[in-house]
PDB file of N, CA and C in Angstrom:
ATOM      1  N   UNK A   1     106.712  62.395  87.890  1.00  0.00           N
ATOM      2  CA  UNK A   1     106.838  62.494  86.445  1.00  0.00           C
ATOM      3  C   UNK A   1     105.801  63.511  85.969  1.00  0.00           C
ATOM      4  N   UNK A   2     106.214  64.365  85.070  1.00  0.00           N
ATOM      5  CA  UNK A   2     105.304  65.409  84.604  1.00  0.00           C
ATOM      6  C   UNK A   2     104.341  64.868  83.559  1.00  0.00           C
ATOM      7  N   UNK A   3     103.309  65.643  83.327  1.00  0.00           N
ATOM      8  CA  UNK A   3     102.284  65.243  82.357  1.00  0.00           C
ATOM      9  C   UNK A   3     102.865  65.141  80.949  1.00  0.00           C
ATOM     10  N   UNK A   4     103.795  66.020  80.626  1.00  0.00           N
ATOM     11  CA  UNK A   4     104.375  65.976  79.277  1.00  0.00           C
ATOM     12  C   UNK A   4     105.231  64.727  79.076  1.00  0.00           C
ATOM     13  N   UNK A   5     105.898  64.266  80.132  1.00  0.00           N
ATOM     14  CA  UNK A   5     106.689  63.039  80.030  1.00  0.00           C
ATOM     15  C   UNK A   5     105.780  61.825  79.849  1.00  0.00           C
ATOM     16  N   UNK A   6     104.664  61.800  80.580  1.00  0.00           N
ATOM     17  CA  UNK A   6     103.716  60.706  80.413  1.00  0.00           C
ATOM     18  C   UNK A   6     103.113  60.721  79.018  1.00  0.00           C
ATOM     19  N   UNK A   7     102.780  61.901  78.545  1.00  0.00           N
ATOM     20  CA  UNK A   7     102.215  62.030  77.193  1.00  0.00           C
ATOM     21  C   UNK A   7     103.203  61.515  76.150  1.00  0.00           C
ATOM     22  N   UNK A   8     104.477  61.838  76.334  1.00  0.00           N
ATOM     23  CA  UNK A   8     105.514  61.372  75.410  1.00  0.00           C
ATOM     24  C   UNK A   8     105.608  59.846  75.434  1.00  0.00           C
ATOM     25  N   UNK A   9     105.532  59.258  76.617  1.00  0.00           N
ATOM     26  CA  UNK A   9     105.593  57.797  76.722  1.00  0.00           C
ATOM     27  C   UNK A   9     104.392  57.147  76.049  1.00  0.00           C
ATOM     28  N   UNK A  10     103.213  57.728  76.246  1.00  0.00           N
ATOM     29  CA  UNK A  10     102.002  57.178  75.628  1.00  0.00           C
ATOM     30  C   UNK A  10     102.107  57.255  74.109  1.00  0.00           C
ATOM     31  N   UNK A  11     102.567  58.376  73.602  1.00  0.00           N
ATOM     32  CA  UNK A  11     102.709  58.532  72.150  1.00  0.00           C
ATOM     33  C   UNK A  11     103.734  57.555  71.590  1.00  0.00           C
ATOM     34  N   UNK A  12     104.814  57.350  72.333  1.00  0.00           N
ATOM     35  CA  UNK A  12     105.859  56.437  71.877  1.00  0.00           C
ATOM     36  C   UNK A  12     105.339  55.006  71.785  1.00  0.00           C
ATOM     37  N   UNK A  13     104.639  54.557  72.826  1.00  0.00           N
ATOM     38  CA  UNK A  13     104.141  53.180  72.805  1.00  0.00           C
ATOM     39  C   UNK A  13     103.060  53.022  71.746  1.00  0.00           C
ATOM     40  N   UNK A  14     102.260  54.057  71.523  1.00  0.00           N
ATOM     41  CA  UNK A  14     101.239  54.004  70.473  1.00  0.00           C
ATOM     42  C   UNK A  14     101.908  53.849  69.108  1.00  0.00           C
ATOM     43  N   UNK A  15     102.946  54.621  68.862  1.00  0.00           N
ATOM     44  CA  UNK A  15     103.662  54.533  67.584  1.00  0.00           C
ATOM     45  C   UNK A  15     104.345  53.178  67.429  1.00  0.00           C
ATOM     46  N   UNK A  16     104.921  52.671  68.523  1.00  0.00           N
ATOM     47  CA  UNK A  16     105.554  51.352  68.468  1.00  0.00           C
ATOM     48  C   UNK A  16     104.536  50.271  68.121  1.00  0.00           C
ATOM     49  N   UNK A  17     103.369  50.335  68.751  1.00  0.00           N
ATOM     50  CA  UNK A  17     102.331  49.344  68.474  1.00  0.00           C
ATOM     51  C   UNK A  17     101.807  49.480  67.046  1.00  0.00           C
ATOM     52  N   UNK A  18     101.671  50.710  66.556  1.00  0.00           N
ATOM     53  CA  UNK A  18     101.255  50.892  65.161  1.00  0.00           C
ATOM     54  C   UNK A  18     102.270  50.272  64.213  1.00  0.00           C
ATOM     55  N   UNK A  19     103.535  50.455  64.521  1.00  0.00           N
ATOM     56  CA  UNK A  19     104.596  49.877  63.692  1.00  0.00           C
ATOM     57  C   UNK A  19     104.513  48.355  63.696  1.00  0.00           C
ATOM     58  N   UNK A  20     104.301  47.772  64.873  1.00  0.00           N
ATOM     59  CA  UNK A  20     104.181  46.322  64.972  1.00  0.00           C
ATOM     60  C   UNK A  20     102.920  45.820  64.267  1.00  0.00           C
ATOM     61  N   UNK A  21     101.900  46.630  64.224  1.00  0.00           N
ATOM     62  CA  UNK A  21     100.642  46.242  63.606  1.00  0.00           C
ATOM     63  C   UNK A  21     100.720  46.050  62.107  1.00  0.00           C
ATOM     64  N   UNK A  22     101.765  46.538  61.484  1.00  0.00           N
ATOM     65  CA  UNK A  22     101.901  46.379  60.031  1.00  0.00           C
ATOM     66  C   UNK A  22     101.933  44.915  59.620  1.00  0.00           C
ATOM     67  N   UNK A  23     102.506  44.071  60.463  1.00  0.00           N
ATOM     68  CA  UNK A  23     102.649  42.651  60.142  1.00  0.00           C
ATOM     69  C   UNK A  23     101.666  41.778  60.913  1.00  0.00           C
ATOM     70  N   UNK A  24     100.631  42.369  61.480  1.00  0.00           N
ATOM     71  CA  UNK A  24      99.661  41.604  62.261  1.00  0.00           C
ATOM     72  C   UNK A  24      98.981  40.580  61.362  1.00  0.00           C
ATOM     73  N   UNK A  25      98.778  39.347  61.849  1.00  0.00           N
ATOM     74  CA  UNK A  25      98.224  38.286  60.997  1.00  0.00           C
ATOM     75  C   UNK A  25      96.883  38.624  60.344  1.00  0.00           C
ATOM     76  N   UNK A  26      96.036  39.384  61.021  1.00  0.00           N
ATOM     77  CA  UNK A  26      94.740  39.738  60.440  1.00  0.00           C
ATOM     78  C   UNK A  26      94.795  41.024  59.619  1.00  0.00           C
ATOM     79  N   UNK A  27      95.971  41.615  59.528  1.00  0.00           N
ATOM     80  CA  UNK A  27      96.161  42.795  58.697  1.00  0.00           C
ATOM     81  C   UNK A  27      96.133  44.099  59.483  1.00  0.00           C
ATOM     82  N   UNK A  28      96.724  45.110  58.889  1.00  0.00           N
ATOM     83  CA  UNK A  28      96.812  46.424  59.506  1.00  0.00           C
ATOM     84  C   UNK A  28      95.431  47.068  59.605  1.00  0.00           C
ATOM     85  N   UNK A  29      94.582  46.826  58.606  1.00  0.00           N
ATOM     86  CA  UNK A  29      93.238  47.402  58.609  1.00  0.00           C
ATOM     87  C   UNK A  29      92.415  46.869  59.791  1.00  0.00           C
ATOM     88  N   UNK A  30      92.712  45.697  60.264  1.00  0.00           N
ATOM     89  CA  UNK A  30      92.057  45.131  61.443  1.00  0.00           C
ATOM     90  C   UNK A  30      92.691  45.699  62.717  1.00  0.00           C
ATOM     91  N   UNK A  31      93.999  45.814  62.719  1.00  0.00           N
ATOM     92  CA  UNK A  31      94.750  46.168  63.923  1.00  0.00           C
ATOM     93  C   UNK A  31      94.597  47.639  64.297  1.00  0.00           C
ATOM     94  N   UNK A  32      94.738  48.522  63.343  1.00  0.00           N
ATOM     95  CA  UNK A  32      94.793  49.962  63.614  1.00  0.00           C
ATOM     96  C   UNK A  32      93.536  50.513  64.280  1.00  0.00           C
ATOM     97  N   UNK A  33      92.328  50.223  63.780  1.00  0.00           N
ATOM     98  CA  UNK A  33      91.150  50.771  64.469  1.00  0.00           C
ATOM     99  C   UNK A  33      90.982  50.240  65.895  1.00  0.00           C
ATOM    100  N   UNK A  34      91.360  49.006  66.127  1.00  0.00           N
ATOM    101  CA  UNK A  34      91.243  48.448  67.475  1.00  0.00           C
ATOM    102  C   UNK A  34      92.263  49.071  68.423  1.00  0.00           C
ATOM    103  N   UNK A  35      93.453  49.305  67.925  1.00  0.00           N
ATOM    104  CA  UNK A  35      94.456  49.981  68.738  1.00  0.00           C
ATOM    105  C   UNK A  35      94.003  51.395  69.064  1.00  0.00           C
ATOM    106  N   UNK A  36      93.519  52.090  68.063  1.00  0.00           N
ATOM    107  CA  UNK A  36      93.043  53.459  68.260  1.00  0.00           C
ATOM    108  C   UNK A  36      91.903  53.478  69.283  1.00  0.00           C
ATOM    109  N   UNK A  37      90.963  52.551  69.144  1.00  0.00           N
ATOM    110  CA  UNK A  37      89.851  52.480  70.081  1.00  0.00           C
ATOM    111  C   UNK A  37      90.305  52.189  71.502  1.00  0.00           C
ATOM    112  N   UNK A  38      91.284  51.304  71.633  1.00  0.00           N
ATOM    113  CA  UNK A  38      91.807  50.974  72.959  1.00  0.00           C
ATOM    114  C   UNK A  38      92.449  52.190  73.613  1.00  0.00           C
ATOM    115  N   UNK A  39      93.202  52.957  72.846  1.00  0.00           N
ATOM    116  CA  UNK A  39      93.845  54.145  73.407  1.00  0.00           C
ATOM    117  C   UNK A  39      92.819  55.241  73.677  1.00  0.00           C
ATOM    118  N   UNK A  40      91.843  55.401  72.803  1.00  0.00           N
ATOM    119  CA  UNK A  40      90.844  56.450  72.994  1.00  0.00           C
ATOM    120  C   UNK A  40      89.939  56.141  74.191  1.00  0.00           C
ATOM    121  N   UNK A  41      89.733  54.871  74.493  1.00  0.00           N
ATOM    122  CA  UNK A  41      88.911  54.531  75.653  1.00  0.00           C
ATOM    123  C   UNK A  41      89.587  54.951  76.956  1.00  0.00           C
ATOM    124  N   UNK A  42      90.886  55.144  76.915  1.00  0.00           N
ATOM    125  CA  UNK A  42      91.644  55.547  78.095  1.00  0.00           C
ATOM    126  C   UNK A  42      92.059  57.016  78.037  1.00  0.00           C
ATOM    127  N   UNK A  43      91.572  57.754  77.055  1.00  0.00           N
ATOM    128  CA  UNK A  43      92.011  59.137  76.845  1.00  0.00           C
ATOM    129  C   UNK A  43      91.622  60.056  77.995  1.00  0.00           C
ATOM    130  N   UNK A  44      90.582  59.741  78.722  1.00  0.00           N
ATOM    131  CA  UNK A  44      90.126  60.617  79.792  1.00  0.00           C
ATOM    132  C   UNK A  44      90.828  60.430  81.117  1.00  0.00           C
ATOM    133  N   UNK A  45      91.786  59.546  81.180  1.00  0.00           N
ATOM    134  CA  UNK A  45      92.481  59.302  82.446  1.00  0.00           C
ATOM    135  C   UNK A  45      93.246  60.548  82.883  1.00  0.00           C
ATOM    136  N   UNK A  46      93.098  60.879  84.158  1.00  0.00           N
ATOM    137  CA  UNK A  46      93.801  62.033  84.719  1.00  0.00           C
ATOM    138  C   UNK A  46      94.801  61.631  85.802  1.00  0.00           C
ATOM    139  N   UNK A  47      94.542  60.517  86.463  1.00  0.00           N
ATOM    140  CA  UNK A  47      95.403  60.056  87.549  1.00  0.00           C
ATOM    141  C   UNK A  47      96.719  59.515  86.974  1.00  0.00           C
ATOM    142  N   UNK A  48      97.803  59.996  87.523  1.00  0.00           N
ATOM    143  CA  UNK A  48      99.131  59.616  87.031  1.00  0.00           C
ATOM    144  C   UNK A  48      99.376  58.115  87.155  1.00  0.00           C
ATOM    145  N   UNK A  49      98.936  57.500  88.247  1.00  0.00           N
ATOM    146  CA  UNK A  49      99.149  56.066  88.448  1.00  0.00           C
ATOM    147  C   UNK A  49      98.348  55.250  87.441  1.00  0.00           C
ATOM    148  N   UNK A  50      97.132  55.659  87.136  1.00  0.00           N
ATOM    149  CA  UNK A  50      96.336  54.952  86.142  1.00  0.00           C
ATOM    150  C   UNK A  50      96.977  55.038  84.761  1.00  0.00           C
ATOM    151  N   UNK A  51      97.552  56.174  84.452  1.00  0.00           N
ATOM    152  CA  UNK A  51      98.235  56.339  83.165  1.00  0.00           C
ATOM    153  C   UNK A  51      99.455  55.427  83.107  1.00  0.00           C
ATOM    154  N   UNK A  52     100.207  55.362  84.200  1.00  0.00           N
ATOM    155  CA  UNK A  52     101.366  54.460  84.247  1.00  0.00           C
ATOM    156  C   UNK A  52     100.942  53.002  84.090  1.00  0.00           C
ATOM    157  N   UNK A  53      99.827  52.635  84.724  1.00  0.00           N
ATOM    158  CA  UNK A  53      99.309  51.264  84.591  1.00  0.00           C
ATOM    159  C   UNK A  53      98.931  50.977  83.140  1.00  0.00           C
ATOM    160  N   UNK A  54      98.343  51.954  82.483  1.00  0.00           N
ATOM    161  CA  UNK A  54      97.995  51.797  81.070  1.00  0.00           C
ATOM    162  C   UNK A  54      99.226  51.630  80.194  1.00  0.00           C
ATOM    163  N   UNK A  55     100.273  52.363  80.506  1.00  0.00           N
ATOM    164  CA  UNK A  55     101.524  52.251  79.756  1.00  0.00           C
ATOM    165  C   UNK A  55     102.123  50.860  79.971  1.00  0.00           C
ATOM    166  N   UNK A  56     102.095  50.369  81.206  1.00  0.00           N
ATOM    167  CA  UNK A  56     102.599  49.024  81.492  1.00  0.00           C
ATOM    168  C   UNK A  56     101.807  47.962  80.732  1.00  0.00           C
ATOM    169  N   UNK A  57     100.489  48.129  80.674  1.00  0.00           N
ATOM    170  CA  UNK A  57      99.642  47.181  79.938  1.00  0.00           C
ATOM    171  C   UNK A  57      99.983  47.208  78.447  1.00  0.00           C
ATOM    172  N   UNK A  58     100.212  48.410  77.911  1.00  0.00           N
ATOM    173  CA  UNK A  58     100.573  48.547  76.498  1.00  0.00           C
ATOM    174  C   UNK A  58     101.936  47.914  76.221  1.00  0.00           C
ATOM    175  N   UNK A  59     102.881  48.059  77.149  1.00  0.00           N
ATOM    176  CA  UNK A  59     104.191  47.418  76.996  1.00  0.00           C
ATOM    177  C   UNK A  59     104.043  45.898  76.984  1.00  0.00           C
ATOM    178  N   UNK A  60     103.155  45.369  77.832  1.00  0.00           N
ATOM    179  CA  UNK A  60     102.905  43.929  77.856  1.00  0.00           C
ATOM    180  C   UNK A  60     102.335  43.467  76.516  1.00  0.00           C
ATOM    181  N   UNK A  61     101.382  44.201  75.990  1.00  0.00           N
ATOM    182  CA  UNK A  61     100.786  43.860  74.693  1.00  0.00           C
ATOM    183  C   UNK A  61     101.856  43.896  73.608  1.00  0.00           C
ATOM    184  N   UNK A  62     102.733  44.871  73.679  1.00  0.00           N
ATOM    185  CA  UNK A  62     103.828  44.979  72.701  1.00  0.00           C
ATOM    186  C   UNK A  62     104.720  43.736  72.758  1.00  0.00           C
ATOM    187  N   UNK A  63     105.076  43.300  73.954  1.00  0.00           N
ATOM    188  CA  UNK A  63     105.909  42.101  74.092  1.00  0.00           C
ATOM    189  C   UNK A  63     105.183  40.860  73.581  1.00  0.00           C
ATOM    190  N   UNK A  64     103.895  40.772  73.824  1.00  0.00           N
ATOM    191  CA  UNK A  64     103.114  39.627  73.345  1.00  0.00           C
ATOM    192  C   UNK A  64     103.051  39.592  71.820  1.00  0.00           C
ATOM    193  N   UNK A  65     102.888  40.746  71.202  1.00  0.00           N
ATOM    194  CA  UNK A  65     102.845  40.811  69.739  1.00  0.00           C
ATOM    195  C   UNK A  65     104.200  40.437  69.161  1.00  0.00           C
ATOM    196  N   UNK A  66     105.277  40.917  69.774  1.00  0.00           N
ATOM    197  CA  UNK A  66     106.615  40.546  69.321  1.00  0.00           C
ATOM    198  C   UNK A  66     106.824  39.039  69.445  1.00  0.00           C
ATOM    199  N   UNK A  67     106.364  38.447  70.539  1.00  0.00           N
ATOM    200  CA  UNK A  67     106.492  36.996  70.715  1.00  0.00           C
ATOM    201  C   UNK A  67     105.688  36.256  69.639  1.00  0.00           C
ATOM    202  N   UNK A  68     104.527  36.781  69.305  1.00  0.00           N
ATOM    203  CA  UNK A  68     103.718  36.189  68.244  1.00  0.00           C
ATOM    204  C   UNK A  68     104.478  36.193  66.923  1.00  0.00           C
ATOM    205  N   UNK A  69     105.134  37.292  66.622  1.00  0.00           N
ATOM    206  CA  UNK A  69     105.886  37.390  65.371  1.00  0.00           C
ATOM    207  C   UNK A  69     107.088  36.448  65.359  1.00  0.00           C
ATOM    208  N   UNK A  70     107.790  36.351  66.492  1.00  0.00           N
ATOM    209  CA  UNK A  70     108.933  35.444  66.561  1.00  0.00           C
ATOM    210  C   UNK A  70     108.485  33.998  66.394  1.00  0.00           C
ATOM    211  N   UNK A  71     107.363  33.655  67.007  1.00  0.00           N
ATOM    212  CA  UNK A  71     106.837  32.306  66.874  1.00  0.00           C
ATOM    213  C   UNK A  71     106.428  32.031  65.424  1.00  0.00           C
ATOM    214  N   UNK A  72     105.802  33.004  64.798  1.00  0.00           N
ATOM    215  CA  UNK A  72     105.405  32.859  63.401  1.00  0.00           C
ATOM    216  C   UNK A  72     106.626  32.661  62.510  1.00  0.00           C
ATOM    217  N   UNK A  73     107.664  33.435  62.763  1.00  0.00           N
ATOM    218  CA  UNK A  73     108.892  33.315  61.993  1.00  0.00           C
ATOM    219  C   UNK A  73     109.556  31.961  62.230  1.00  0.00           C
ATOM    220  N   UNK A  74     109.590  31.509  63.489  1.00  0.00           N
ATOM    221  CA  UNK A  74     110.183  30.217  63.829  1.00  0.00           C
ATOM    222  C   UNK A  74     109.441  29.090  63.130  1.00  0.00           C
ATOM    223  N   UNK A  75     108.118  29.148  63.170  1.00  0.00           N
ATOM    224  CA  UNK A  75     107.333  28.088  62.520  1.00  0.00           C
ATOM    225  C   UNK A  75     107.551  28.067  61.019  1.00  0.00           C
ATOM    226  N   UNK A  76     107.654  29.243  60.418  1.00  0.00           N
ATOM    227  CA  UNK A  76     107.894  29.300  58.973  1.00  0.00           C
ATOM    228  C   UNK A  76     109.264  28.721  58.636  1.00  0.00           C
ATOM    229  N   UNK A  77     110.268  29.058  59.414  1.00  0.00           N
ATOM    230  CA  UNK A  77     111.615  28.533  59.170  1.00  0.00           C
ATOM    231  C   UNK A  77     111.650  27.021  59.386  1.00  0.00           C
ATOM    232  N   UNK A  78     110.977  26.559  60.425  1.00  0.00           N
ATOM    233  CA  UNK A  78     110.960  25.124  60.695  1.00  0.00           C
ATOM    234  C   UNK A  78     110.241  24.375  59.582  1.00  0.00           C
ATOM    235  N   UNK A  79     109.149  24.932  59.082  1.00  0.00           N
ATOM    236  CA  UNK A  79     108.419  24.295  57.982  1.00  0.00           C
ATOM    237  C   UNK A  79     109.254  24.301  56.709  1.00  0.00           C
ATOM    238  N   UNK A  80     109.958  25.371  56.490  1.00  0.00           N
ATOM    239  CA  UNK A  80     110.745  25.509  55.274  1.00  0.00           C
ATOM    240  C   UNK A  80     111.970  24.611  55.277  1.00  0.00           C
ATOM    241  N   UNK A  81     112.654  24.544  56.405  1.00  0.00           N
ATOM    242  CA  UNK A  81     113.926  23.826  56.458  1.00  0.00           C
ATOM    243  C   UNK A  81     113.888  22.550  57.290  1.00  0.00           C
ATOM    244  N   UNK A  82     112.775  22.290  57.950  1.00  0.00           N
ATOM    245  CA  UNK A  82     112.670  21.092  58.771  1.00  0.00           C
ATOM    246  C   UNK A  82     113.255  21.312  60.148  1.00  0.00           C
ATOM    247  N   UNK A  83     113.003  20.350  60.994  1.00  0.00           N
ATOM    248  CA  UNK A  83     113.505  20.426  62.362  1.00  0.00           C
ATOM    249  C   UNK A  83     114.990  20.090  62.375  1.00  0.00           C
ATOM    250  N   UNK A  84     115.743  20.720  63.278  1.00  0.00           N
ATOM    251  CA  UNK A  84     117.148  20.353  63.395  1.00  0.00           C
ATOM    252  C   UNK A  84     117.270  18.914  63.871  1.00  0.00           C
ATOM    253  N   UNK A  85     118.355  18.244  63.543  1.00  0.00           N
ATOM    254  CA  UNK A  85     118.511  16.829  63.909  1.00  0.00           C
ATOM    255  C   UNK A  85     118.357  16.570  65.395  1.00  0.00           C
ATOM    256  N   UNK A  86     118.743  17.471  66.247  1.00  0.00           N
ATOM    257  CA  UNK A  86     118.655  17.238  67.686  1.00  0.00           C
ATOM    258  C   UNK A  86     117.229  17.343  68.202  1.00  0.00           C
ATOM    259  N   UNK A  87     116.319  17.914  67.422  1.00  0.00           N
ATOM    260  CA  UNK A  87     114.941  18.096  67.892  1.00  0.00           C
ATOM    261  C   UNK A  87     114.000  17.031  67.364  1.00  0.00           C
ATOM    262  N   UNK A  88     114.493  16.101  66.566  1.00  0.00           N
ATOM    263  CA  UNK A  88     113.618  15.075  66.022  1.00  0.00           C
ATOM    264  C   UNK A  88     113.327  14.013  67.072  1.00  0.00           C
ATOM    265  N   UNK A  89     112.203  13.351  66.935  1.00  0.00           N
ATOM    266  CA  UNK A  89     111.765  12.345  67.895  1.00  0.00           C
ATOM    267  C   UNK A  89     112.726  11.160  67.875  1.00  0.00           C
ATOM    268  N   UNK A  90     113.015  10.660  69.057  1.00  0.00           N
ATOM    269  CA  UNK A  90     113.856   9.474  69.161  1.00  0.00           C
ATOM    270  C   UNK A  90     115.332   9.782  69.338  1.00  0.00           C
ATOM    271  N   UNK A  91     115.721  11.045  69.325  1.00  0.00           N
ATOM    272  CA  UNK A  91     117.133  11.369  69.491  1.00  0.00           C
ATOM    273  C   UNK A  91     117.482  11.665  70.935  1.00  0.00           C
ATOM    274  N   UNK A  92     116.451  11.626  71.811  1.00  0.00           N
ATOM    275  CA  UNK A  92     116.733  11.865  73.220  1.00  0.00           C
ATOM    276  C   UNK A  92     116.846  13.333  73.560  1.00  0.00           C
ATOM    277  N   UNK A  93     116.243  14.181  72.759  1.00  0.00           N
ATOM    278  CA  UNK A  93     116.316  15.613  73.056  1.00  0.00           C
ATOM    279  C   UNK A  93     115.444  15.934  74.255  1.00  0.00           C
ATOM    280  N   UNK A  94     115.677  17.045  74.846  1.00  0.00           N
ATOM    281  CA  UNK A  94     114.883  17.485  75.984  1.00  0.00           C
ATOM    282  C   UNK A  94     113.489  17.898  75.585  1.00  0.00           C
ATOM    283  N   UNK A  95     113.271  18.164  74.319  1.00  0.00           N
ATOM    284  CA  UNK A  95     111.974  18.639  73.869  1.00  0.00           C
ATOM    285  C   UNK A  95     110.884  17.604  74.097  1.00  0.00           C
ATOM    286  N   UNK A  96     111.162  16.350  73.817  1.00  0.00           N
ATOM    287  CA  UNK A  96     110.115  15.329  74.002  1.00  0.00           C
ATOM    288  C   UNK A  96     109.821  15.126  75.478  1.00  0.00           C
ATOM    289  N   UNK A  97     110.822  15.325  76.357  1.00  0.00           N
ATOM    290  CA  UNK A  97     110.570  15.221  77.789  1.00  0.00           C
ATOM    291  C   UNK A  97     109.652  16.347  78.245  1.00  0.00           C
ATOM    292  N   UNK A  98     109.853  17.542  77.702  1.00  0.00           N
ATOM    293  CA  UNK A  98     109.002  18.673  78.044  1.00  0.00           C
ATOM    294  C   UNK A  98     107.580  18.406  77.577  1.00  0.00           C
ATOM    295  N   UNK A  99     107.420  17.911  76.358  1.00  0.00           N
ATOM    296  CA  UNK A  99     106.091  17.618  75.839  1.00  0.00           C
ATOM    297  C   UNK A  99     105.428  16.521  76.664  1.00  0.00           C
ATOM    298  N   UNK A 100     106.166  15.475  77.034  1.00  0.00           N
ATOM    299  CA  UNK A 100     105.600  14.394  77.845  1.00  0.00           C
ATOM    300  C   UNK A 100     105.198  14.896  79.223  1.00  0.00           C
ATOM    301  N   UNK A 101     106.010  15.764  79.822  1.00  0.00           N
ATOM    302  CA  UNK A 101     105.696  16.322  81.122  1.00  0.00           C
ATOM    303  C   UNK A 101     104.436  17.169  81.042  1.00  0.00           C
ATOM    304  N   UNK A 102     104.321  17.986  79.985  1.00  0.00           N
ATOM    305  CA  UNK A 102     103.141  18.829  79.816  1.00  0.00           C
ATOM    306  C   UNK A 102     101.899  17.973  79.602  1.00  0.00           C
ATOM    307  N   UNK A 103     102.027  16.912  78.830  1.00  0.00           N
ATOM    308  CA  UNK A 103     100.887  16.028  78.586  1.00  0.00           C
ATOM    309  C   UNK A 103     100.465  15.321  79.867  1.00  0.00           C
ATOM    310  N   UNK A 104     101.425  14.905  80.676  1.00  0.00           N
ATOM    311  CA  UNK A 104     101.125  14.241  81.928  1.00  0.00           C
ATOM    312  C   UNK A 104     100.434  15.209  82.889  1.00  0.00           C
ATOM    313  N   UNK A 105     100.923  16.433  82.957  1.00  0.00           N
ATOM    314  CA  UNK A 105     100.323  17.439  83.830  1.00  0.00           C
ATOM    315  C   UNK A 105      98.887  17.733  83.401  1.00  0.00           C
ATOM    316  N   UNK A 106      98.647  17.820  82.106  1.00  0.00           N
ATOM    317  CA  UNK A 106      97.312  18.085  81.603  1.00  0.00           C
ATOM    318  C   UNK A 106      96.387  16.916  81.926  1.00  0.00           C
ATOM    319  N   UNK A 107      96.876  15.694  81.730  1.00  0.00           N
ATOM    320  CA  UNK A 107      96.064  14.516  82.031  1.00  0.00           C
ATOM    321  C   UNK A 107      95.752  14.429  83.519  1.00  0.00           C
ATOM    322  N   UNK A 108      96.705  14.761  84.368  1.00  0.00           N
ATOM    323  CA  UNK A 108      96.506  14.726  85.805  1.00  0.00           C
ATOM    324  C   UNK A 108      95.477  15.771  86.212  1.00  0.00           C
ATOM    325  N   UNK A 109      95.573  16.971  85.648  1.00  0.00           N
ATOM    326  CA  UNK A 109      94.631  18.044  85.969  1.00  0.00           C
ATOM    327  C   UNK A 109      93.222  17.678  85.520  1.00  0.00           C
ATOM    328  N   UNK A 110      93.113  17.043  84.369  1.00  0.00           N
ATOM    329  CA  UNK A 110      91.813  16.640  83.851  1.00  0.00           C
ATOM    330  C   UNK A 110      91.212  15.538  84.715  1.00  0.00           C
ATOM    331  N   UNK A 111      92.032  14.590  85.148  1.00  0.00           N
ATOM    332  CA  UNK A 111      91.549  13.491  85.979  1.00  0.00           C
ATOM    333  C   UNK A 111      91.120  13.975  87.363  1.00  0.00           C
ATOM    334  N   UNK A 112      91.764  15.026  87.855  1.00  0.00           N
ATOM    335  CA  UNK A 112      91.456  15.535  89.188  1.00  0.00           C
ATOM    336  C   UNK A 112      90.112  16.237  89.219  1.00  0.00           C
ATOM    337  N   UNK A 113      89.652  16.741  88.073  1.00  0.00           N
ATOM    338  CA  UNK A 113      88.375  17.468  88.066  1.00  0.00           C
ATOM    339  C   UNK A 113      87.190  16.584  87.862  1.00  0.00           C
TER     340      UNK A 113
END
C-alpha cells in the first residue's frame, strides 16, 4: 500500500471520529483536543505496519464510540417508553437468566480469590 493511500485512510478515520465526537457525552470541546492529541502523538510514524496498526486501533475506538451512542439511545428509549413486556421480571425472559448467570460467575470469581 502506498503512502498516499495510508494517508487517505488516516484522514478518513480522523474525520469519521471528529464527526462522531459531536455527540460525545462530555462534549465536542472535550473530545476534539484529545482526538487531535492522539493523532499528533502518532504523526512521526514511518513504518507502514505501525501506521496500519494505528488505523486498526482508531477503527476499534470508532466502533466503541458507536456502541456507546447506541447504548445511550437504547437507555433513553427504554426510560421513555418502558421495558417491553417480554423483558420484564417474572415473564421468563432470557434476560433474567443472563443476569443471574453473570451474577453467579461474579460471585464465584470473588469467592475464588
